[in-house]
Amino acid sequence: PFATVAENACGNCHKIHSAEGRERLLRFANLEDNCLNCHNGSVAITNIETEICKPSAHNTPLLSDCHDPTEDPLTMSRHVTCADCHNPHATVHNFVSRPGATLPEPINSTMRYISGVNILGRPVDQAIREYEVCFKCHADNPSRPQSAVVTRDIYQTNTRLEFQPTNPSFHPVAVPRNNHDVVSLISPWRVGSLTKCTDCHNSDAGSALSLNKRAGPHGSIYEPLLIANYSTRDFTSESTVAYALCYRCHDRASILNNESFPLHSRHVVNGRSPCSACHDAHGISRTQGNSSNHSNLINFDRSIVQPASGGLGARIEYEDRGSYRGSCTLTCHSVVHVRFEYAR
């Protein structure tokens, strides 16, 4: 046994003779086994093996053995291994996130010298932002794994398109948004703050506001790999548990006191409509939506919201009419709205 990783150096992962992973002289043939040999709670502090066995996870044992450092992220086959996100020769664990930052943070130090895809859809040899690593699998690659958790009016699974700076609305992952109508933000979040994928997609045992030895999107008990619970079921009773994910950044009292939308409480508390009935958390692509009908992350859940006729033809429509003002044409919980207007 060795007291530190440094003492055994290269020998922790590589064998000169009789290596099972012959191409790269790795100790084990399965790529992830070379990591989990230590990161299973027996050697390293981080027990990643527990995380990837959770209900929603980057399950490396099921989708491994395909990674190659020279692969093209736009055409590679679907897989996930530790080396897709971590460079074992370069990673260090000394990164401290700054929630609420208004300037882009450098990539997490555990993800240094990893390839990615930038916001323009171009492969890069070294990702400089966290989302660029995520875009390798969750953007332009036709084998991207995600499917719709919610049946949206506008359907999109390319996350890069959902976060474009020119979109009618989006969570500020790639660039900040100066939307002063968002009055519910909890400090340190503020207008102009940037978020990261891992602020929402993370271990349920982790926290974006503090260092955690298992923090990272390895696995979670909440689907789809969320740091906290986010109920999308209709007729959900409002509570801090039901919408724990939203209330990490948005003040519950502000929402229920109708500070931004005068009918929030009526919909969420009285009508028991989930946040996801109206809001699409990532964003709406400018190729499919527009600023008049899809501001404020409006993209209705078609399993809850149905078209309204009322002489306007069967349609679902939200219309932005300025700060804290708008109208809806739709049917929800059997209530028909035909250009139903609201104003704060």
Protein backbone atom coordinates (compact mmCIF):
# COMPACT_ATOMS: atom_id res chain seq x y z
CA PRO A 1 0.00 0.00 0.00
CA PHE A 2 1.00 3.58 -0.62
CA ALA A 3 0.20 6.54 1.60
CA THR A 4 -0.36 8.96 -1.30
CA VAL A 5 -1.12 8.89 -5.01
CA ALA A 6 2.25 10.52 -5.67
CA GLU A 7 4.16 7.65 -4.07
CA ASN A 8 2.92 5.18 -6.68
CA ALA A 9 2.72 7.83 -9.40
CA CYS A 10 1.98 6.35 -12.84
CA GLY A 11 1.64 2.90 -11.31
CA ASN A 12 -1.73 3.84 -9.83
CA CYS A 13 -3.35 3.49 -13.24
CA HIS A 14 -0.74 1.92 -15.55
CA LYS A 15 1.11 -1.41 -15.67
CA ILE A 16 4.24 -1.91 -17.72
CA HIS A 17 3.60 -5.63 -18.15
CA SER A 18 0.37 -7.65 -18.35
CA ALA A 19 -1.86 -4.59 -18.51
CA GLU A 20 -5.53 -5.41 -19.15
CA GLY A 21 -6.03 -2.13 -21.01
CA ARG A 22 -3.36 -2.95 -23.55
CA GLU A 23 -3.64 0.07 -25.86
CA ARG A 24 -2.77 2.54 -23.09
CA LEU A 25 -1.18 0.09 -20.62
CA LEU A 26 -4.03 0.61 -18.18
CA ARG A 27 -4.43 -1.65 -15.18
CA PHE A 28 -8.02 -2.52 -16.10
CA ALA A 29 -9.64 -3.07 -19.48
CA ASN A 30 -12.76 -1.07 -18.58
CA LEU A 31 -11.80 2.59 -18.53
CA GLU A 32 -13.90 3.54 -15.51
CA ASP A 33 -12.44 0.70 -13.40
CA ASN A 34 -9.11 2.49 -13.43
CA CYS A 35 -10.81 5.39 -11.68
CA LEU A 36 -13.25 3.53 -9.45
CA ASN A 37 -10.42 1.38 -8.12
CA CYS A 38 -9.66 4.37 -5.90
CA HIS A 39 -12.80 6.53 -6.13
CA ASN A 40 -15.07 3.99 -4.48
CA GLY A 41 -14.62 5.16 -0.90
CA SER A 42 -11.79 2.77 -0.13
CA VAL A 43 -8.82 4.98 -1.08
CA ALA A 44 -9.83 8.45 -2.26
CA ILE A 45 -12.19 10.61 -0.20
CA THR A 46 -14.54 10.88 -3.17
CA ASN A 47 -16.88 7.89 -3.53
CA ILE A 48 -17.96 8.31 -7.13
CA GLU A 49 -19.04 4.69 -7.47
CA THR A 50 -21.99 5.37 -5.17
CA GLU A 51 -23.00 8.39 -7.25
CA ILE A 52 -23.07 6.67 -10.65
CA CYS A 53 -25.34 3.94 -9.25
CA LYS A 54 -28.10 6.42 -8.40
CA PRO A 55 -31.40 6.42 -10.37
CA SER A 56 -30.36 9.34 -12.58
CA ALA A 57 -26.69 9.19 -13.43
CA HIS A 58 -23.87 9.29 -15.93
CA ASN A 59 -23.75 5.52 -15.77
CA THR A 60 -20.26 4.71 -16.97
CA PRO A 61 -20.48 0.89 -16.62
CA LEU A 62 -23.37 0.79 -19.10
CA LEU A 63 -21.92 3.23 -21.65
CA SER A 64 -18.15 2.84 -21.52
CA ASP A 65 -15.22 1.55 -23.58
CA CYS A 66 -15.82 3.96 -26.47
CA HIS A 67 -13.82 7.04 -25.43
CA ASP A 68 -10.85 8.13 -27.52
CA PRO A 69 -8.96 11.40 -26.99
CA THR A 70 -9.05 12.09 -30.74
CA GLU A 71 -12.81 11.51 -31.21
CA ASP A 72 -14.97 14.11 -32.92
CA PRO A 73 -17.67 15.26 -30.46
CA LEU A 74 -20.03 16.00 -33.34
CA THR A 75 -19.99 12.43 -34.67
CA MET A 76 -18.77 10.17 -31.84
CA SER A 77 -20.94 7.26 -30.74
CA ARG A 78 -22.94 7.62 -27.55
CA HIS A 79 -20.90 6.80 -24.47
CA VAL A 80 -19.78 8.23 -21.15
CA THR A 81 -16.56 7.58 -19.29
CA CYS A 82 -14.70 9.47 -16.59
CA ALA A 83 -12.17 10.64 -19.19
CA ASP A 84 -14.88 12.43 -21.18
CA CYS A 85 -15.00 15.08 -18.45
CA HIS A 86 -11.75 14.57 -16.52
CA ASN A 87 -8.13 14.47 -17.64
CA PRO A 88 -6.51 12.19 -15.06
CA HIS A 89 -3.09 13.69 -15.70
CA ALA A 90 -4.18 17.29 -15.19
CA THR A 91 -7.08 17.34 -12.72
CA VAL A 92 -6.69 19.00 -9.34
CA HIS A 93 -9.31 19.56 -6.66
CA ASN A 94 -8.78 23.18 -5.63
CA PHE A 95 -11.59 24.98 -7.45
CA VAL A 96 -14.00 27.17 -5.49
CA SER A 97 -17.11 28.28 -7.35
CA ARG A 98 -18.48 31.80 -6.98
CA PRO A 99 -22.28 31.65 -7.24
CA GLY A 100 -23.79 34.81 -8.64
CA ALA A 101 -20.68 35.82 -10.57
CA THR A 102 -21.30 38.28 -13.42
CA LEU A 103 -18.11 37.38 -15.32
CA PRO A 104 -17.48 33.90 -16.78
CA GLU A 105 -15.61 31.63 -14.42
CA PRO A 106 -12.73 29.50 -15.65
CA ILE A 107 -13.48 25.84 -16.06
CA ASN A 108 -13.51 23.73 -12.92
CA SER A 109 -9.97 22.55 -12.10
CA THR A 110 -11.18 18.93 -12.17
CA MET A 111 -12.04 19.41 -15.86
CA ARG A 112 -8.87 21.03 -17.15
CA TYR A 113 -7.45 20.08 -20.57
CA ILE A 114 -10.67 18.43 -21.75
CA SER A 115 -12.15 18.91 -25.22
CA GLY A 116 -15.53 20.52 -25.76
CA VAL A 117 -17.92 22.28 -28.12
CA ASN A 118 -18.32 26.06 -27.88
CA ILE A 119 -21.52 28.12 -28.04
CA LEU A 120 -21.12 28.41 -31.82
CA GLY A 121 -21.13 24.62 -32.20
CA ARG A 122 -17.41 24.35 -32.98
CA PRO A 123 -15.25 21.64 -31.39
CA VAL A 124 -12.43 22.98 -29.20
CA ASP A 125 -9.37 21.05 -28.04
CA GLN A 126 -9.47 22.61 -24.59
CA ALA A 127 -12.78 23.71 -23.12
CA ILE A 128 -12.57 26.98 -21.19
CA ARG A 129 -16.14 26.96 -19.87
CA GLU A 130 -17.99 24.18 -18.09
CA TYR A 131 -20.90 24.15 -20.55
CA GLU A 132 -18.51 23.44 -23.43
CA VAL A 133 -17.78 20.01 -21.93
CA CYS A 134 -21.52 19.34 -21.54
CA PHE A 135 -22.17 20.35 -25.16
CA LYS A 136 -19.98 17.47 -26.38
CA CYS A 137 -22.81 15.05 -25.66
CA HIS A 138 -25.87 17.21 -25.08
CA ALA A 139 -25.83 19.51 -28.11
CA ASP A 140 -25.16 18.84 -31.80
CA ASN A 141 -24.22 15.17 -31.64
CA PRO A 142 -27.10 13.18 -33.21
CA SER A 143 -26.66 10.49 -30.54
CA ARG A 144 -27.34 12.94 -27.70
CA PRO A 145 -29.01 11.01 -24.89
CA GLN A 146 -31.63 13.41 -23.55
CA SER A 147 -35.30 13.15 -24.31
CA ALA A 148 -38.08 15.46 -23.27
CA VAL A 149 -39.00 15.18 -19.60
CA VAL A 150 -41.87 17.58 -20.36
CA THR A 151 -43.88 17.57 -23.60
CA ARG A 152 -43.30 21.13 -24.77
CA ASP A 153 -45.17 23.33 -27.22
CA ILE A 154 -41.73 23.92 -28.80
CA TYR A 155 -39.62 20.77 -28.72
CA GLN A 156 -35.82 21.04 -28.59
CA THR A 157 -33.15 18.67 -27.26
CA ASN A 158 -30.04 20.53 -28.42
CA THR A 159 -29.01 22.39 -25.27
CA ARG A 160 -26.60 24.64 -27.17
CA LEU A 161 -29.52 26.09 -29.12
CA GLU A 162 -31.49 26.58 -25.90
CA PHE A 163 -28.76 28.79 -24.39
CA GLN A 164 -27.99 31.02 -27.38
CA PRO A 165 -27.49 34.71 -26.42
CA THR A 166 -29.95 35.79 -29.15
CA ASN A 167 -32.81 33.60 -27.86
CA PRO A 168 -36.05 35.26 -26.73
CA SER A 169 -35.34 33.94 -23.23
CA PHE A 170 -32.80 31.64 -21.58
CA HIS A 171 -31.11 30.92 -18.30
CA PRO A 172 -27.78 32.81 -18.39
CA VAL A 173 -25.34 29.93 -18.83
CA ALA A 174 -23.25 31.26 -21.73
CA VAL A 175 -23.87 35.00 -21.30
CA PRO A 176 -25.61 37.11 -18.61
CA ARG A 177 -29.11 38.52 -19.00
CA ASN A 178 -29.98 42.02 -17.87
CA ASN A 179 -33.66 41.34 -17.25
CA HIS A 180 -34.74 43.63 -14.41
CA ASP A 181 -38.18 41.99 -14.36
CA VAL A 182 -36.68 39.04 -12.47
CA VAL A 183 -37.23 40.37 -8.95
CA SER A 184 -37.18 37.06 -7.07
CA LEU A 185 -33.43 36.36 -7.14
CA ILE A 186 -31.79 35.36 -3.86
CA SER A 187 -28.35 36.78 -3.00
CA PRO A 188 -25.68 36.24 -4.26
CA TRP A 189 -27.71 35.86 -7.49
CA ARG A 190 -28.64 39.16 -9.08
CA VAL A 191 -29.48 40.67 -12.46
CA GLY A 192 -26.48 40.02 -14.69
CA SER A 193 -25.37 36.86 -12.85
CA LEU A 194 -24.25 33.79 -14.75
CA THR A 195 -25.31 30.26 -13.92
CA LYS A 196 -23.57 26.98 -14.69
CA CYS A 197 -24.96 23.64 -15.75
CA THR A 198 -23.88 22.21 -12.38
CA ASP A 199 -25.91 24.79 -10.46
CA CYS A 200 -28.91 22.62 -11.39
CA HIS A 201 -27.45 19.34 -12.65
CA ASN A 202 -25.40 17.95 -9.80
CA SER A 203 -25.32 15.35 -7.08
CA ASP A 204 -28.21 15.55 -4.64
CA ALA A 205 -25.48 15.25 -1.97
CA GLY A 206 -23.70 18.32 -3.30
CA SER A 207 -24.29 22.04 -3.01
CA ALA A 208 -23.39 24.76 -5.47
CA LEU A 209 -22.91 27.10 -2.52
CA SER A 210 -20.29 25.06 -0.70
CA LEU A 211 -17.49 22.63 -1.42
CA ASN A 212 -18.60 19.03 -1.36
CA LYS A 213 -16.37 16.03 -1.91
CA ARG A 214 -18.90 14.40 -4.25
CA ALA A 215 -20.20 17.51 -5.99
CA GLY A 216 -20.56 17.10 -9.72
CA PRO A 217 -23.03 15.62 -12.21
CA HIS A 218 -22.14 12.00 -11.53
CA GLY A 219 -25.51 10.93 -10.21
CA SER A 220 -28.60 12.02 -8.30
CA ILE A 221 -31.80 10.64 -6.85
CA TYR A 222 -33.65 13.41 -8.72
CA GLU A 223 -34.24 13.13 -12.47
CA PRO A 224 -32.88 14.43 -14.78
CA LEU A 225 -29.70 14.43 -12.67
CA LEU A 226 -30.79 17.41 -10.57
CA ILE A 227 -29.24 18.76 -7.38
CA ALA A 228 -32.70 19.14 -5.80
CA ASN A 229 -36.28 18.04 -6.36
CA TYR A 230 -38.25 19.60 -9.23
CA SER A 231 -41.78 18.30 -9.58
CA THR A 232 -43.31 18.49 -13.06
CA ARG A 233 -46.53 16.63 -12.23
CA ASP A 234 -49.80 18.45 -12.61
CA PHE A 235 -51.79 19.06 -9.42
CA THR A 236 -48.65 19.14 -7.29
CA SER A 237 -49.16 20.82 -3.91
CA GLU A 238 -46.77 23.77 -3.66
CA SER A 239 -44.03 23.37 -1.05
CA THR A 240 -40.34 23.96 -0.49
CA VAL A 241 -39.80 20.29 -1.32
CA ALA A 242 -41.83 20.19 -4.53
CA TYR A 243 -39.92 23.06 -6.13
CA ALA A 244 -36.68 22.88 -4.14
CA LEU A 245 -34.63 23.35 -7.31
CA CYS A 246 -36.31 26.64 -8.24
CA TYR A 247 -36.18 27.95 -4.69
CA ARG A 248 -32.41 27.60 -4.57
CA CYS A 249 -32.18 30.79 -6.65
CA HIS A 250 -35.69 32.28 -6.58
CA ASP A 251 -37.22 33.58 -3.37
CA ARG A 252 -40.33 31.63 -2.55
CA ALA A 253 -41.99 34.55 -0.78
CA SER A 254 -41.45 36.79 -3.81
CA ILE A 255 -43.03 34.21 -6.10
CA LEU A 256 -46.05 33.54 -3.88
CA ASN A 257 -46.53 37.25 -3.16
CA ASN A 258 -46.91 37.79 -6.92
CA GLU A 259 -44.07 40.32 -7.20
CA SER A 260 -43.33 39.47 -10.83
CA PHE A 261 -46.49 37.74 -12.10
CA PRO A 262 -49.73 38.79 -10.39
CA LEU A 263 -51.24 35.31 -10.67
CA HIS A 264 -48.32 33.15 -9.54
CA SER A 265 -49.92 32.17 -6.24
CA ARG A 266 -53.28 31.52 -7.88
CA HIS A 267 -51.70 29.14 -10.36
CA VAL A 268 -49.09 27.41 -8.20
CA VAL A 269 -50.90 27.27 -4.85
CA ASN A 270 -54.62 27.34 -5.65
CA GLY A 271 -54.49 25.66 -9.05
CA ARG A 272 -51.57 23.36 -8.12
CA SER A 273 -49.91 23.91 -11.49
CA PRO A 274 -46.17 23.11 -11.54
CA CYS A 275 -43.61 25.71 -12.58
CA SER A 276 -42.89 23.58 -15.65
CA ALA A 277 -46.47 23.97 -16.90
CA CYS A 278 -45.48 27.40 -18.22
CA HIS A 279 -41.70 27.70 -17.93
CA ASP A 280 -39.00 25.88 -19.91
CA ALA A 281 -35.96 26.02 -17.64
CA HIS A 282 -33.19 25.98 -20.27
CA GLY A 283 -34.58 28.43 -22.81
CA ILE A 284 -36.33 28.72 -26.14
CA SER A 285 -34.33 28.68 -29.36
CA ARG A 286 -34.60 31.75 -31.58
CA THR A 287 -34.98 29.38 -34.54
CA GLN A 288 -38.32 28.24 -33.11
CA GLY A 289 -39.59 31.02 -30.84
CA ASN A 290 -39.80 34.80 -30.69
CA SER A 291 -39.59 37.56 -28.09
CA SER A 292 -43.33 38.32 -28.23
CA ASN A 293 -44.52 34.79 -27.42
CA HIS A 294 -41.59 33.15 -25.65
CA SER A 295 -40.10 35.70 -23.26
CA ASN A 296 -39.86 34.80 -19.56
CA LEU A 297 -39.03 31.18 -20.44
CA ILE A 298 -42.62 30.60 -21.58
CA ASN A 299 -42.97 27.26 -23.39
CA PHE A 300 -46.08 25.44 -22.27
CA ASP A 301 -46.35 21.81 -21.19
CA ARG A 302 -48.75 20.31 -23.74
CA SER A 303 -49.83 17.56 -21.34
CA ILE A 304 -51.30 20.26 -19.08
CA VAL A 305 -52.04 23.17 -21.42
CA GLN A 306 -54.34 22.64 -24.40
CA PRO A 307 -55.40 24.95 -27.24
CA ALA A 308 -58.27 27.43 -26.89
CA SER A 309 -60.63 28.12 -29.74
CA GLY A 310 -62.86 31.06 -28.87
CA GLY A 311 -63.09 32.10 -32.50
CA LEU A 312 -59.30 32.40 -32.76
CA GLY A 313 -58.67 28.93 -34.05
CA ALA A 314 -57.28 26.14 -31.92
CA ARG A 315 -54.08 27.56 -30.55
CA ILE A 316 -51.84 28.04 -27.52
CA GLU A 317 -50.37 31.49 -27.25
CA TYR A 318 -48.68 33.74 -24.73
CA GLU A 319 -48.22 37.40 -25.63
CA ASP A 320 -45.70 39.63 -23.87
CA ARG A 321 -47.14 43.15 -23.51
CA GLY A 322 -44.33 44.77 -21.55
CA SER A 323 -42.99 44.65 -17.99
CA TYR A 324 -45.23 42.50 -15.80
CA ARG A 325 -47.97 42.52 -18.44
CA GLY A 326 -49.20 39.92 -20.89
CA SER A 327 -52.04 37.75 -22.11
CA CYS A 328 -52.73 34.06 -22.64
CA THR A 329 -54.88 32.17 -25.12
CA LEU A 330 -55.16 28.53 -24.03
CA THR A 331 -57.09 26.00 -21.99
CA CYS A 332 -55.72 24.85 -18.66
CA HIS A 333 -57.52 22.70 -16.06
CA SER A 334 -60.64 23.03 -18.24
CA VAL A 335 -60.55 26.84 -17.95
CA VAL A 336 -60.54 28.56 -21.35
CA HIS A 337 -58.40 31.70 -21.67
CA VAL A 338 -58.95 33.84 -24.76
CA ARG A 339 -56.54 36.77 -24.72
CA PHE A 340 -56.80 36.73 -20.96
CA GLU A 341 -54.83 39.78 -19.83
CA TYR A 342 -52.86 40.34 -16.65
CA ALA A 343 -50.88 43.26 -15.24
CA ARG A 344 -49.12 43.78 -11.96
